[in-house]
């Protein structure tokens, strides 16, 4: 079983070294590349003012956070949730830097990398698409993922969107099977295997047109580009 946690945070500002704090953590769990619904989401009281520029980005105010728990109140639940998993984060140094700053304020806790491994999808995207924009919004457009609900940044929503981007960027096959309601054998849920009658007439063979062949070739080349040159159909 492969367990991955797609993670995002929102913060009071840009620099943990200047005392900025985490105000929202959102996590989406993937097991064997399938969302499980076992998500982790928490707003946090930062004990400091949120920069006006940050409020413009995520819309979270100090008034909204006034009755929320502090990081120290949820740290045990959070570390238990991510422990042993591979974290999938877009621009990981930002989020990991903030989480490690929070952990360093508390006694008895190691840096995040002690509890789990970390994969940076921004690094992955730059390797796959050099010289192109690789923000989360840009990747949504490139992989045709609907991010119309993203009027403001939100940690859980961004983690959900990043999970879709990550699956698309790394193949997306499990997502396809999940939509079909089946498993990775390719058999749809609830289906039954029916034998084909021995006396059935032969199936007609319809040859593709030149236009269809060109479209097929273009689709294979798109898959090859998205997979970093790993499209097996072009190798045959």
C-alpha atoms as a PDB file:
ATOM      1  CA  UNK A   1       0.000   0.000   0.000  1.00  0.00           C
ATOM      2  CA  UNK A   2       1.343   3.435  -0.970  1.00  0.00           C
ATOM      3  CA  UNK A   3       0.083   6.277   1.222  1.00  0.00           C
ATOM      4  CA  UNK A   4       0.519   9.850   0.033  1.00  0.00           C
ATOM      5  CA  UNK A   5      -0.670  13.079   1.632  1.00  0.00           C
ATOM      6  CA  UNK A   6      -1.228  16.118  -0.581  1.00  0.00           C
ATOM      7  CA  UNK A   7      -0.660  19.160   1.645  1.00  0.00           C
ATOM      8  CA  UNK A   8      -1.094  22.913   1.498  1.00  0.00           C
ATOM      9  CA  UNK A   9      -0.985  25.715   4.057  1.00  0.00           C
ATOM     10  CA  UNK A  10      -2.122  29.315   4.360  1.00  0.00           C
ATOM     11  CA  UNK A  11      -0.109  31.752   6.462  1.00  0.00           C
ATOM     12  CA  UNK A  12      -0.091  35.236   7.978  1.00  0.00           C
ATOM     13  CA  UNK A  13       2.678  36.322   5.609  1.00  0.00           C
ATOM     14  CA  UNK A  14       5.584  35.081   3.555  1.00  0.00           C
ATOM     15  CA  UNK A  15       8.509  34.702   5.961  1.00  0.00           C
ATOM     16  CA  UNK A  16       8.531  32.378   8.986  1.00  0.00           C
ATOM     17  CA  UNK A  17      11.856  33.992   9.962  1.00  0.00           C
ATOM     18  CA  UNK A  18       9.888  37.208  10.568  1.00  0.00           C
ATOM     19  CA  UNK A  19       7.507  35.435  12.927  1.00  0.00           C
ATOM     20  CA  UNK A  20       4.767  34.698  10.440  1.00  0.00           C
ATOM     21  CA  UNK A  21       2.582  31.725  11.332  1.00  0.00           C
ATOM     22  CA  UNK A  22       0.400  29.027   9.782  1.00  0.00           C
ATOM     23  CA  UNK A  23      -3.325  29.770   9.904  1.00  0.00           C
ATOM     24  CA  UNK A  24      -4.697  26.851   7.863  1.00  0.00           C
ATOM     25  CA  UNK A  25      -3.534  23.329   7.036  1.00  0.00           C
ATOM     26  CA  UNK A  26      -5.301  21.221   4.406  1.00  0.00           C
ATOM     27  CA  UNK A  27      -4.399  17.629   3.549  1.00  0.00           C
ATOM     28  CA  UNK A  28      -5.866  15.071   1.134  1.00  0.00           C
ATOM     29  CA  UNK A  29      -4.993  11.391   1.586  1.00  0.00           C
ATOM     30  CA  UNK A  30      -4.241   9.156  -1.406  1.00  0.00           C
ATOM     31  CA  UNK A  31      -3.843   5.409  -0.945  1.00  0.00           C
ATOM     32  CA  UNK A  32      -2.547   3.613  -4.038  1.00  0.00           C
ATOM     33  CA  UNK A  33      -3.237   6.865  -5.949  1.00  0.00           C
ATOM     34  CA  UNK A  34      -6.906   6.998  -4.939  1.00  0.00           C
ATOM     35  CA  UNK A  35      -8.461   9.693  -2.711  1.00  0.00           C
ATOM     36  CA  UNK A  36      -9.773   8.042   0.449  1.00  0.00           C
ATOM     37  CA  UNK A  37     -11.818  10.887   1.922  1.00  0.00           C
ATOM     38  CA  UNK A  38      -9.661  10.722   5.071  1.00  0.00           C
ATOM     39  CA  UNK A  39      -8.642  14.380   4.860  1.00  0.00           C
ATOM     40  CA  UNK A  40      -7.096  16.631   7.515  1.00  0.00           C
ATOM     41  CA  UNK A  41      -8.235  20.251   7.728  1.00  0.00           C
ATOM     42  CA  UNK A  42      -7.611  22.764  10.483  1.00  0.00           C
ATOM     43  CA  UNK A  43      -7.747  26.539  10.908  1.00  0.00           C
ATOM     44  CA  UNK A  44      -5.298  27.910  13.488  1.00  0.00           C
ATOM     45  CA  UNK A  45      -5.080  30.938  15.775  1.00  0.00           C
ATOM     46  CA  UNK A  46      -1.699  32.562  14.943  1.00  0.00           C
ATOM     47  CA  UNK A  47      -1.412  34.986  17.907  1.00  0.00           C
ATOM     48  CA  UNK A  48      -0.346  37.748  15.539  1.00  0.00           C
ATOM     49  CA  UNK A  49      -1.876  39.992  12.909  1.00  0.00           C
ATOM     50  CA  UNK A  50      -2.299  38.695   9.365  1.00  0.00           C
ATOM     51  CA  UNK A  51      -0.660  40.854   6.692  1.00  0.00           C
ATOM     52  CA  UNK A  52      -3.171  42.747   4.548  1.00  0.00           C
ATOM     53  CA  UNK A  53      -1.605  41.264   1.423  1.00  0.00           C
ATOM     54  CA  UNK A  54      -2.101  37.753   2.773  1.00  0.00           C
ATOM     55  CA  UNK A  55      -5.776  38.451   3.527  1.00  0.00           C
ATOM     56  CA  UNK A  56      -6.153  39.537  -0.098  1.00  0.00           C
ATOM     57  CA  UNK A  57      -4.842  36.130  -1.185  1.00  0.00           C
ATOM     58  CA  UNK A  58      -6.771  33.783   1.107  1.00  0.00           C
ATOM     59  CA  UNK A  59      -9.527  35.914   2.671  1.00  0.00           C
ATOM     60  CA  UNK A  60      -8.893  34.603   6.205  1.00  0.00           C
ATOM     61  CA  UNK A  61      -9.121  37.243   8.960  1.00  0.00           C
ATOM     62  CA  UNK A  62      -7.988  37.430  12.581  1.00  0.00           C
ATOM     63  CA  UNK A  63     -11.624  37.752  13.619  1.00  0.00           C
ATOM     64  CA  UNK A  64     -12.450  34.422  11.967  1.00  0.00           C
ATOM     65  CA  UNK A  65      -9.510  32.732  13.693  1.00  0.00           C
ATOM     66  CA  UNK A  66     -10.143  34.163  17.167  1.00  0.00           C
ATOM     67  CA  UNK A  67     -11.705  30.951  18.555  1.00  0.00           C
ATOM     68  CA  UNK A  68      -9.562  28.463  16.622  1.00  0.00           C
ATOM     69  CA  UNK A  69      -6.954  26.181  18.259  1.00  0.00           C
ATOM     70  CA  UNK A  70      -3.238  26.920  18.171  1.00  0.00           C
ATOM     71  CA  UNK A  71      -0.668  24.745  16.390  1.00  0.00           C
ATOM     72  CA  UNK A  72       0.427  23.314  19.734  1.00  0.00           C
ATOM     73  CA  UNK A  73      -3.129  22.036  20.271  1.00  0.00           C
ATOM     74  CA  UNK A  74      -3.193  20.014  17.052  1.00  0.00           C
ATOM     75  CA  UNK A  75       0.457  19.082  16.503  1.00  0.00           C
ATOM     76  CA  UNK A  76       0.084  15.524  17.795  1.00  0.00           C
ATOM     77  CA  UNK A  77      -2.937  14.802  15.578  1.00  0.00           C
ATOM     78  CA  UNK A  78      -1.172  16.353  12.586  1.00  0.00           C
ATOM     79  CA  UNK A  79       2.064  14.396  12.987  1.00  0.00           C
ATOM     80  CA  UNK A  80       0.129  11.159  13.591  1.00  0.00           C
ATOM     81  CA  UNK A  81      -1.752  11.832  10.345  1.00  0.00           C
ATOM     82  CA  UNK A  82       1.311  12.448   8.135  1.00  0.00           C
ATOM     83  CA  UNK A  83       3.721  10.017   9.799  1.00  0.00           C
ATOM     84  CA  UNK A  84       5.170   7.459   7.381  1.00  0.00           C
ATOM     85  CA  UNK A  85       3.503   8.997   4.321  1.00  0.00           C
ATOM     86  CA  UNK A  86       4.955  10.702   1.253  1.00  0.00           C
ATOM     87  CA  UNK A  87       3.939  14.367   1.348  1.00  0.00           C
ATOM     88  CA  UNK A  88       3.052  15.914  -2.020  1.00  0.00           C
ATOM     89  CA  UNK A  89       3.507  19.701  -1.852  1.00  0.00           C
ATOM     90  CA  UNK A  90       3.692  22.428  -4.525  1.00  0.00           C
ATOM     91  CA  UNK A  91       6.718  24.625  -3.741  1.00  0.00           C
ATOM     92  CA  UNK A  92       7.534  22.445  -0.744  1.00  0.00           C
ATOM     93  CA  UNK A  93      10.234  24.695   0.834  1.00  0.00           C
ATOM     94  CA  UNK A  94       7.548  27.286   1.620  1.00  0.00           C
ATOM     95  CA  UNK A  95       5.114  24.979   3.443  1.00  0.00           C
ATOM     96  CA  UNK A  96       7.813  22.814   5.028  1.00  0.00           C
ATOM     97  CA  UNK A  97       9.640  25.920   6.233  1.00  0.00           C
ATOM     98  CA  UNK A  98       6.512  27.155   7.994  1.00  0.00           C
ATOM     99  CA  UNK A  99       5.686  23.760   9.502  1.00  0.00           C
ATOM    100  CA  UNK A 100       9.253  23.330  10.763  1.00  0.00           C
ATOM    101  CA  UNK A 101       9.147  26.818  12.273  1.00  0.00           C
ATOM    102  CA  UNK A 102       5.984  25.830  14.160  1.00  0.00           C
ATOM    103  CA  UNK A 103       7.558  22.549  15.304  1.00  0.00           C
ATOM    104  CA  UNK A 104      10.710  24.333  16.463  1.00  0.00           C
ATOM    105  CA  UNK A 105       8.658  26.478  18.864  1.00  0.00           C
ATOM    106  CA  UNK A 106       7.538  23.347  20.704  1.00  0.00           C
ATOM    107  CA  UNK A 107       9.561  20.933  22.797  1.00  0.00           C
ATOM    108  CA  UNK A 108       9.967  17.306  21.777  1.00  0.00           C
ATOM    109  CA  UNK A 109       9.290  17.598  18.060  1.00  0.00           C
ATOM    110  CA  UNK A 110      11.664  16.924  15.151  1.00  0.00           C
ATOM    111  CA  UNK A 111      11.567  18.658  11.731  1.00  0.00           C
ATOM    112  CA  UNK A 112       8.851  17.414   9.395  1.00  0.00           C
ATOM    113  CA  UNK A 113      11.330  15.422   7.284  1.00  0.00           C
ATOM    114  CA  UNK A 114      11.921  13.161  10.303  1.00  0.00           C
ATOM    115  CA  UNK A 115       8.347  11.856  10.105  1.00  0.00           C
ATOM    116  CA  UNK A 116       7.730  11.550   6.359  1.00  0.00           C
ATOM    117  CA  UNK A 117       9.244  11.977   2.903  1.00  0.00           C
ATOM    118  CA  UNK A 118       8.497  15.026   0.770  1.00  0.00           C
ATOM    119  CA  UNK A 119       7.937  15.387  -2.978  1.00  0.00           C
ATOM    120  CA  UNK A 120       7.829  18.861  -4.534  1.00  0.00           C
ATOM    121  CA  UNK A 121       5.439  19.015  -7.503  1.00  0.00           C
ATOM    122  CA  UNK A 122       6.892  22.383  -8.541  1.00  0.00           C
ATOM    123  CA  UNK A 123      10.265  20.685  -9.108  1.00  0.00           C
ATOM    124  CA  UNK A 124       8.496  17.879 -10.995  1.00  0.00           C
ATOM    125  CA  UNK A 125       6.607  20.360 -13.165  1.00  0.00           C
ATOM    126  CA  UNK A 126       9.753  22.338 -14.008  1.00  0.00           C
ATOM    127  CA  UNK A 127      11.459  19.121 -15.111  1.00  0.00           C
ATOM    128  CA  UNK A 128       8.499  18.138 -17.289  1.00  0.00           C
ATOM    129  CA  UNK A 129       7.752  21.618 -18.641  1.00  0.00           C
ATOM    130  CA  UNK A 130      11.016  23.610 -18.684  1.00  0.00           C
ATOM    131  CA  UNK A 131      10.680  27.259 -19.545  1.00  0.00           C
ATOM    132  CA  UNK A 132       6.925  27.304 -18.949  1.00  0.00           C
ATOM    133  CA  UNK A 133       4.780  28.694 -16.152  1.00  0.00           C
ATOM    134  CA  UNK A 134       4.296  26.004 -13.524  1.00  0.00           C
ATOM    135  CA  UNK A 135       2.075  27.631 -10.917  1.00  0.00           C
ATOM    136  CA  UNK A 136      -0.847  25.533  -9.702  1.00  0.00           C
ATOM    137  CA  UNK A 137      -3.244  27.561 -11.859  1.00  0.00           C
ATOM    138  CA  UNK A 138      -1.007  27.146 -14.916  1.00  0.00           C
ATOM    139  CA  UNK A 139      -0.849  23.373 -14.372  1.00  0.00           C
ATOM    140  CA  UNK A 140      -4.628  23.233 -14.029  1.00  0.00           C
ATOM    141  CA  UNK A 141      -4.913  24.827 -17.447  1.00  0.00           C
ATOM    142  CA  UNK A 142      -2.265  22.539 -18.939  1.00  0.00           C
ATOM    143  CA  UNK A 143      -3.912  19.366 -17.609  1.00  0.00           C
ATOM    144  CA  UNK A 144      -7.504  20.584 -18.104  1.00  0.00           C
ATOM    145  CA  UNK A 145      -8.401  20.482 -14.417  1.00  0.00           C
ATOM    146  CA  UNK A 146     -11.324  22.647 -13.277  1.00  0.00           C
ATOM    147  CA  UNK A 147     -10.155  25.222 -10.725  1.00  0.00           C
ATOM    148  CA  UNK A 148     -13.083  27.615 -11.183  1.00  0.00           C
ATOM    149  CA  UNK A 149     -13.878  27.423  -7.441  1.00  0.00           C
ATOM    150  CA  UNK A 150     -10.455  28.878  -6.634  1.00  0.00           C
ATOM    151  CA  UNK A 151     -11.508  32.512  -6.288  1.00  0.00           C
ATOM    152  CA  UNK A 152      -9.317  32.747  -3.191  1.00  0.00           C
ATOM    153  CA  UNK A 153      -6.571  30.438  -1.981  1.00  0.00           C
ATOM    154  CA  UNK A 154      -7.655  27.895   0.611  1.00  0.00           C
ATOM    155  CA  UNK A 155      -5.466  25.119   1.990  1.00  0.00           C
ATOM    156  CA  UNK A 156      -7.930  22.243   1.638  1.00  0.00           C
ATOM    157  CA  UNK A 157      -9.246  23.352  -1.770  1.00  0.00           C
ATOM    158  CA  UNK A 158      -5.704  23.842  -3.060  1.00  0.00           C
ATOM    159  CA  UNK A 159      -4.710  20.408  -1.736  1.00  0.00           C
ATOM    160  CA  UNK A 160      -7.678  18.854  -3.552  1.00  0.00           C
ATOM    161  CA  UNK A 161      -6.721  20.627  -6.789  1.00  0.00           C
ATOM    162  CA  UNK A 162      -3.058  19.685  -6.378  1.00  0.00           C
ATOM    163  CA  UNK A 163      -4.048  16.033  -5.887  1.00  0.00           C
ATOM    164  CA  UNK A 164      -5.753  16.110  -9.292  1.00  0.00           C
ATOM    165  CA  UNK A 165      -2.762  17.855 -10.872  1.00  0.00           C
ATOM    166  CA  UNK A 166      -0.333  15.358  -9.352  1.00  0.00           C
ATOM    167  CA  UNK A 167      -2.331  12.357 -10.588  1.00  0.00           C
ATOM    168  CA  UNK A 168      -2.591  13.874 -14.068  1.00  0.00           C
ATOM    169  CA  UNK A 169       1.090  14.822 -14.147  1.00  0.00           C
ATOM    170  CA  UNK A 170       2.173  11.324 -13.106  1.00  0.00           C
ATOM    171  CA  UNK A 171      -0.186   9.361 -15.322  1.00  0.00           C
ATOM    172  CA  UNK A 172      -3.658   9.676 -13.826  1.00  0.00           C
ATOM    173  CA  UNK A 173      -4.528   6.020 -14.430  1.00  0.00           C
ATOM    174  CA  UNK A 174      -5.941   5.354 -10.971  1.00  0.00           C
ATOM    175  CA  UNK A 175      -8.213   8.374 -11.236  1.00  0.00           C
ATOM    176  CA  UNK A 176      -9.581   6.958 -14.472  1.00  0.00           C
ATOM    177  CA  UNK A 177     -10.367   3.610 -12.869  1.00  0.00           C
ATOM    178  CA  UNK A 178     -11.972   5.334  -9.910  1.00  0.00           C
ATOM    179  CA  UNK A 179     -14.288   7.305 -12.173  1.00  0.00           C
ATOM    180  CA  UNK A 180     -15.276   4.050 -13.834  1.00  0.00           C
ATOM    181  CA  UNK A 181     -16.119   2.663 -10.406  1.00  0.00           C
ATOM    182  CA  UNK A 182     -13.751  -0.223 -10.899  1.00  0.00           C
ATOM    183  CA  UNK A 183     -10.378  -1.451  -9.768  1.00  0.00           C
ATOM    184  CA  UNK A 184      -6.950  -1.470 -11.338  1.00  0.00           C
ATOM    185  CA  UNK A 185      -7.666  -4.699 -13.180  1.00  0.00           C
ATOM    186  CA  UNK A 186      -9.835  -2.570 -15.442  1.00  0.00           C
ATOM    187  CA  UNK A 187     -13.067  -4.350 -14.484  1.00  0.00           C
ATOM    188  CA  UNK A 188     -15.906  -1.985 -13.653  1.00  0.00           C
ATOM    189  CA  UNK A 189     -17.618  -2.406 -10.309  1.00  0.00           C
ATOM    190  CA  UNK A 190     -20.637  -4.674 -10.449  1.00  0.00           C
ATOM    191  CA  UNK A 191     -19.804  -6.025 -13.884  1.00  0.00           C
ATOM    192  CA  UNK A 192     -19.986  -9.692 -14.735  1.00  0.00           C
ATOM    193  CA  UNK A 193     -18.001 -11.611 -17.316  1.00  0.00           C
ATOM    194  CA  UNK A 194     -20.266 -12.925 -20.065  1.00  0.00           C
ATOM    195  CA  UNK A 195     -19.031 -15.576 -22.502  1.00  0.00           C
ATOM    196  CA  UNK A 196     -19.214 -14.739 -26.192  1.00  0.00           C
ATOM    197  CA  UNK A 197     -21.350 -17.173 -28.223  1.00  0.00           C
ATOM    198  CA  UNK A 198     -19.190 -19.373 -30.448  1.00  0.00           C
ATOM    199  CA  UNK A 199     -21.487 -18.807 -33.435  1.00  0.00           C
ATOM    200  CA  UNK A 200     -21.539 -15.005 -33.303  1.00  0.00           C
ATOM    201  CA  UNK A 201     -20.816 -13.316 -36.653  1.00  0.00           C
ATOM    202  CA  UNK A 202     -17.327 -11.836 -37.141  1.00  0.00           C
ATOM    203  CA  UNK A 203     -16.907  -8.251 -36.021  1.00  0.00           C
ATOM    204  CA  UNK A 204     -16.511  -5.709 -38.820  1.00  0.00           C
ATOM    205  CA  UNK A 205     -13.089  -4.126 -39.196  1.00  0.00           C
ATOM    206  CA  UNK A 206     -13.246  -0.384 -39.858  1.00  0.00           C
ATOM    207  CA  UNK A 207      -9.993   1.177 -40.991  1.00  0.00           C
ATOM    208  CA  UNK A 208      -9.203   4.666 -39.647  1.00  0.00           C
ATOM    209  CA  UNK A 209      -9.144   7.626 -41.981  1.00  0.00           C
ATOM    210  CA  UNK A 210      -6.012   9.695 -42.539  1.00  0.00           C
ATOM    211  CA  UNK A 211      -7.498  12.429 -40.318  1.00  0.00           C
ATOM    212  CA  UNK A 212      -8.183   9.922 -37.519  1.00  0.00           C
ATOM    213  CA  UNK A 213      -4.641   8.539 -37.779  1.00  0.00           C
ATOM    214  CA  UNK A 214      -3.233  12.072 -37.513  1.00  0.00           C
ATOM    215  CA  UNK A 215      -5.368  12.817 -34.457  1.00  0.00           C
ATOM    216  CA  UNK A 216      -4.290   9.532 -32.885  1.00  0.00           C
ATOM    217  CA  UNK A 217      -0.624  10.353 -33.472  1.00  0.00           C
ATOM    218  CA  UNK A 218      -1.097  13.811 -31.961  1.00  0.00           C
ATOM    219  CA  UNK A 219      -2.730  12.280 -28.883  1.00  0.00           C
ATOM    220  CA  UNK A 220       0.167   9.843 -28.429  1.00  0.00           C
ATOM    221  CA  UNK A 221       2.684  12.668 -28.726  1.00  0.00           C
ATOM    222  CA  UNK A 222       0.754  14.656 -26.096  1.00  0.00           C
ATOM    223  CA  UNK A 223       0.837  11.645 -23.760  1.00  0.00           C
ATOM    224  CA  UNK A 224       4.544  11.247 -24.471  1.00  0.00           C
ATOM    225  CA  UNK A 225       5.198  14.861 -23.553  1.00  0.00           C
ATOM    226  CA  UNK A 226       3.116  14.717 -20.368  1.00  0.00           C
ATOM    227  CA  UNK A 227       4.817  11.507 -19.235  1.00  0.00           C
ATOM    228  CA  UNK A 228       8.338  12.738 -19.860  1.00  0.00           C
ATOM    229  CA  UNK A 229       8.919  10.554 -22.908  1.00  0.00           C
ATOM    230  CA  UNK A 230       7.439   7.365 -21.445  1.00  0.00           C
ATOM    231  CA  UNK A 231       4.604   6.684 -23.883  1.00  0.00           C
ATOM    232  CA  UNK A 232       5.022   2.972 -24.648  1.00  0.00           C
ATOM    233  CA  UNK A 233       2.810   3.072 -27.720  1.00  0.00           C
ATOM    234  CA  UNK A 234       5.384   5.249 -29.500  1.00  0.00           C
ATOM    235  CA  UNK A 235       8.120   2.726 -28.725  1.00  0.00           C
ATOM    236  CA  UNK A 236       6.474  -0.156 -30.582  1.00  0.00           C
END
